[in-house]
Amino acid sequence: MTSSSAAPGQIIIVRHGEPDADRYKKLDWRGYERWWAAYDEAGLKPGQSVPEALCAEARQARTVFASTLPRAIETARACVGERELVIDPVFVEAPLPPPPWPGRFNARTWGVFARCTWWLGAARGRETRQQAELRARQAAAMLVEAASDGPVALFAHGWFNRMLRPALRVQSWRCVIDGRDGYWSWRRYERR
C-alpha cells in the first residue's frame, strides 16, 4: 500500500492493531464469553510497529473516527497522536456470541464458530446480523457525510469494517486501495 495525497472525499477504514489477548487459550463456550468481554476491554499488545504508510494516510484526514473500544482508540492514537477523535459506538465490532456447544477450543476457533453461527442467525439475545447491517449503513452514512468536508479516517474492527463495504458501495464509493484484513490494515475508498 502506498500513500498519495488525499483528495477531499476519501475515506480510510483501518483495522486496529493486535490486542493484548491470548487467542490460543483453551476454553469452553462460557469461558469464551468471558474471554470476549475481556478482549473488548483490552488495549493493544505492547511492542508493535505502527506502519508509517498507515499513519501518513490517517494524518491526511480532516475528521478521525474511532470505535469506543480501547483497541480502536489506541490504534488511532498511535497514528494521529492527540488529535481530536470522534468516538462513537456505532463503529464497535459486530458481536461474537458463541454457540453453546460442548468441548474446549482455543479462543480463535470459538471466534470462527461464533461468527459463522451469528451470521446464520444465532445471536443469542445480542445484536443480530440484520441489526448490525443496519448499524453499518448508519455508520457508512456518517462517514460519507463527514467526507463531504474532506478526507476521513475510521479506526474500527475487522468484521464491522467488512460490513461497511456493501454499505459504502451502495452509496457509490469504491475501494481503491485494499490492504486486506490483518491487524493495522486499511482500505481507502473514493466516490465513483
Protein backbone atom coordinates (compact mmCIF):
# COMPACT_ATOMS: atom_id res chain seq x y z
CA MET A 1 0.00 0.00 0.00
CA THR A 2 1.37 3.34 -0.92
CA SER A 3 0.24 6.71 0.22
CA SER A 4 -0.68 9.51 -2.11
CA SER A 5 -2.00 12.98 -1.49
CA ALA A 6 -5.54 12.78 -0.21
CA ALA A 7 -8.33 14.47 -2.11
CA PRO A 8 -11.50 15.58 -0.33
CA GLY A 9 -13.93 12.77 -0.07
CA GLN A 10 -11.55 9.90 0.63
CA ILE A 11 -12.49 7.51 3.42
CA ILE A 12 -9.76 5.44 5.08
CA ILE A 13 -11.03 2.49 7.11
CA VAL A 14 -8.47 0.96 9.47
CA ARG A 15 -8.46 -2.26 11.45
CA HIS A 16 -6.94 -1.89 14.91
CA GLY A 17 -3.54 -3.24 15.92
CA GLU A 18 -3.09 -6.57 17.67
CA PRO A 19 -4.95 -6.66 21.00
CA ASP A 20 -3.28 -7.78 24.19
CA ALA A 21 -5.18 -11.09 24.40
CA ASP A 22 -4.26 -14.76 24.15
CA ARG A 23 -6.23 -16.08 21.16
CA TYR A 24 -4.88 -19.61 21.76
CA LYS A 25 -6.21 -20.06 25.29
CA LYS A 26 -8.37 -23.22 25.55
CA LEU A 27 -11.93 -22.51 26.72
CA ASP A 28 -15.43 -23.89 26.81
CA TRP A 29 -18.20 -21.71 25.34
CA ARG A 30 -18.89 -19.93 28.66
CA GLY A 31 -15.19 -19.27 29.04
CA TYR A 32 -15.17 -17.79 25.54
CA GLU A 33 -17.97 -15.40 26.51
CA ARG A 34 -15.82 -14.17 29.42
CA TRP A 35 -12.75 -14.07 27.17
CA TRP A 36 -14.60 -11.92 24.60
CA ALA A 37 -15.76 -9.48 27.29
CA ALA A 38 -12.14 -9.12 28.46
CA TYR A 39 -10.99 -8.79 24.84
CA ASP A 40 -13.32 -5.82 24.41
CA GLU A 41 -11.65 -4.17 27.40
CA ALA A 42 -8.10 -4.97 26.27
CA GLY A 43 -5.78 -2.44 24.73
CA LEU A 44 -3.03 -3.14 22.25
CA LYS A 45 -0.30 -5.69 22.78
CA PRO A 46 2.92 -3.83 23.67
CA GLY A 47 5.84 -3.52 21.28
CA GLN A 48 4.04 -3.39 17.94
CA SER A 49 5.39 -1.48 14.98
CA VAL A 50 2.97 1.07 13.63
CA PRO A 51 3.06 1.15 9.80
CA GLU A 52 4.24 4.61 8.73
CA ALA A 53 2.27 4.37 5.47
CA LEU A 54 -0.92 3.94 7.52
CA CYS A 55 -0.06 6.92 9.71
CA ALA A 56 0.64 9.03 6.62
CA GLU A 57 -2.81 8.13 5.26
CA ALA A 58 -4.56 8.79 8.57
CA ARG A 59 -2.83 12.13 9.20
CA GLN A 60 -4.39 13.47 6.00
CA ALA A 61 -7.89 13.01 7.40
CA ARG A 62 -9.85 16.10 8.31
CA THR A 63 -12.06 14.02 10.62
CA VAL A 64 -10.89 10.96 12.56
CA PHE A 65 -13.46 8.50 13.89
CA ALA A 66 -12.96 5.57 16.26
CA SER A 67 -14.97 2.84 17.88
CA THR A 68 -15.43 3.14 21.64
CA LEU A 69 -13.29 0.05 22.28
CA PRO A 70 -9.75 0.55 23.64
CA ARG A 71 -8.01 -1.33 20.82
CA ALA A 72 -9.51 1.04 18.23
CA ILE A 73 -8.80 4.20 20.24
CA GLU A 74 -5.21 3.15 20.97
CA THR A 75 -4.65 2.39 17.28
CA ALA A 76 -5.97 5.83 16.34
CA ARG A 77 -3.72 7.47 18.94
CA ALA A 78 -0.71 5.55 17.62
CA CYS A 79 -1.39 7.00 14.16
CA VAL A 80 -2.72 10.52 14.75
CA GLY A 81 -1.46 11.34 18.24
CA GLU A 82 -3.64 13.59 20.34
CA ARG A 83 -5.82 14.91 17.52
CA GLU A 84 -9.49 15.11 18.29
CA LEU A 85 -11.28 11.80 17.74
CA VAL A 86 -14.98 11.34 17.10
CA ILE A 87 -15.57 8.26 19.26
CA ASP A 88 -18.88 6.57 18.58
CA PRO A 89 -20.39 3.17 19.49
CA VAL A 90 -21.89 2.88 16.00
CA PHE A 91 -18.42 1.65 14.94
CA VAL A 92 -17.96 -1.18 17.50
CA GLU A 93 -17.36 -4.74 16.34
CA ALA A 94 -20.29 -6.98 15.47
CA PRO A 95 -20.96 -9.35 18.37
CA LEU A 96 -19.49 -12.84 18.64
CA PRO A 97 -21.90 -14.89 20.78
CA PRO A 98 -20.53 -18.44 20.91
CA PRO A 99 -22.85 -21.34 20.28
CA PRO A 100 -23.43 -23.38 23.45
CA TRP A 101 -21.52 -26.38 22.14
CA PRO A 102 -19.61 -28.95 24.17
CA GLY A 103 -15.85 -29.08 24.14
CA ARG A 104 -12.86 -26.88 24.73
CA PHE A 105 -11.28 -24.97 21.88
CA ASN A 106 -8.92 -22.06 21.62
CA ALA A 107 -10.42 -18.56 21.57
CA ARG A 108 -9.54 -18.15 17.91
CA THR A 109 -11.55 -21.27 16.99
CA TRP A 110 -14.50 -20.15 19.14
CA GLY A 111 -14.38 -16.86 17.23
CA VAL A 112 -14.86 -18.72 13.94
CA PHE A 113 -17.72 -20.81 15.38
CA ALA A 114 -19.35 -17.70 16.84
CA ARG A 115 -19.07 -15.66 13.64
CA CYS A 116 -20.48 -18.45 11.48
CA THR A 117 -23.44 -19.19 13.74
CA TRP A 118 -24.12 -15.47 14.28
CA TRP A 119 -24.07 -14.91 10.50
CA LEU A 120 -26.65 -17.68 10.15
CA GLY A 121 -28.94 -16.10 12.77
CA ALA A 122 -27.87 -17.35 16.21
CA ALA A 123 -27.49 -14.03 18.05
CA ARG A 124 -28.38 -15.46 21.49
CA GLY A 125 -30.03 -12.21 22.63
CA ARG A 126 -27.34 -9.91 21.24
CA GLU A 127 -27.36 -7.68 18.18
CA THR A 128 -28.47 -9.72 15.17
CA ARG A 129 -26.80 -9.75 11.78
CA GLN A 130 -29.68 -7.68 10.37
CA GLN A 131 -29.32 -5.12 13.18
CA ALA A 132 -25.55 -4.95 12.62
CA GLU A 133 -26.09 -4.45 8.88
CA LEU A 134 -28.44 -1.56 9.65
CA ARG A 135 -25.83 -0.13 12.01
CA ALA A 136 -23.20 -0.47 9.25
CA ARG A 137 -25.43 1.52 6.91
CA GLN A 138 -25.80 4.22 9.58
CA ALA A 139 -22.04 4.25 10.13
CA ALA A 140 -21.37 4.50 6.40
CA ALA A 141 -23.77 7.43 6.16
CA MET A 142 -21.84 9.21 8.94
CA LEU A 143 -18.55 8.66 7.12
CA VAL A 144 -19.95 9.82 3.78
CA GLU A 145 -21.41 12.96 5.33
CA ALA A 146 -18.11 13.79 7.04
CA ALA A 147 -16.19 13.10 3.82
CA SER A 148 -18.07 15.91 2.10
CA ASP A 149 -15.79 18.26 4.12
CA GLY A 150 -12.55 16.40 3.35
CA PRO A 151 -10.76 13.11 3.94
CA VAL A 152 -11.98 10.88 6.77
CA ALA A 153 -10.30 8.09 8.74
CA LEU A 154 -12.07 5.43 10.80
CA PHE A 155 -10.31 3.17 13.30
CA ALA A 156 -12.53 0.17 13.95
CA HIS A 157 -12.70 -3.62 13.71
CA GLY A 158 -12.17 -6.41 11.22
CA TRP A 159 -15.67 -7.77 10.76
CA PHE A 160 -17.51 -4.48 11.13
CA ASN A 161 -15.15 -2.91 8.59
CA ARG A 162 -16.16 -5.71 6.19
CA MET A 163 -19.80 -4.89 6.84
CA LEU A 164 -19.14 -1.29 5.81
CA ARG A 165 -18.04 -2.35 2.30
CA PRO A 166 -21.50 -3.01 0.82
CA ALA A 167 -22.94 -0.02 2.68
CA LEU A 168 -20.36 2.24 1.03
CA ARG A 169 -20.71 0.55 -2.36
CA VAL A 170 -24.45 1.28 -2.38
CA GLN A 171 -23.59 4.96 -1.88
CA SER A 172 -21.26 4.90 -4.93
CA TRP A 173 -17.95 4.53 -3.07
CA ARG A 174 -15.28 2.13 -4.33
CA CYS A 175 -12.21 0.66 -2.72
CA VAL A 176 -9.09 1.98 -4.46
CA ILE A 177 -6.52 0.57 -2.00
CA ASP A 178 -7.25 -2.81 -0.44
CA GLY A 179 -4.91 -3.51 2.45
CA ARG A 180 -6.73 -6.73 3.38
CA ASP A 181 -7.91 -7.64 6.89
CA GLY A 182 -4.88 -8.12 9.13
CA TYR A 183 -4.02 -6.03 12.16
CA TRP A 184 -3.01 -2.47 11.19
CA SER A 185 -4.51 -2.92 7.73
CA TRP A 186 -6.55 -0.32 5.90
CA ARG A 187 -8.64 0.33 2.84
CA ARG A 188 -9.10 3.60 1.01
CA TYR A 189 -12.46 4.41 -0.58
CA GLU A 190 -13.24 7.13 -3.11
CA ARG A 191 -16.51 8.24 -4.62
CA ARG A 192 -17.09 6.87 -8.12
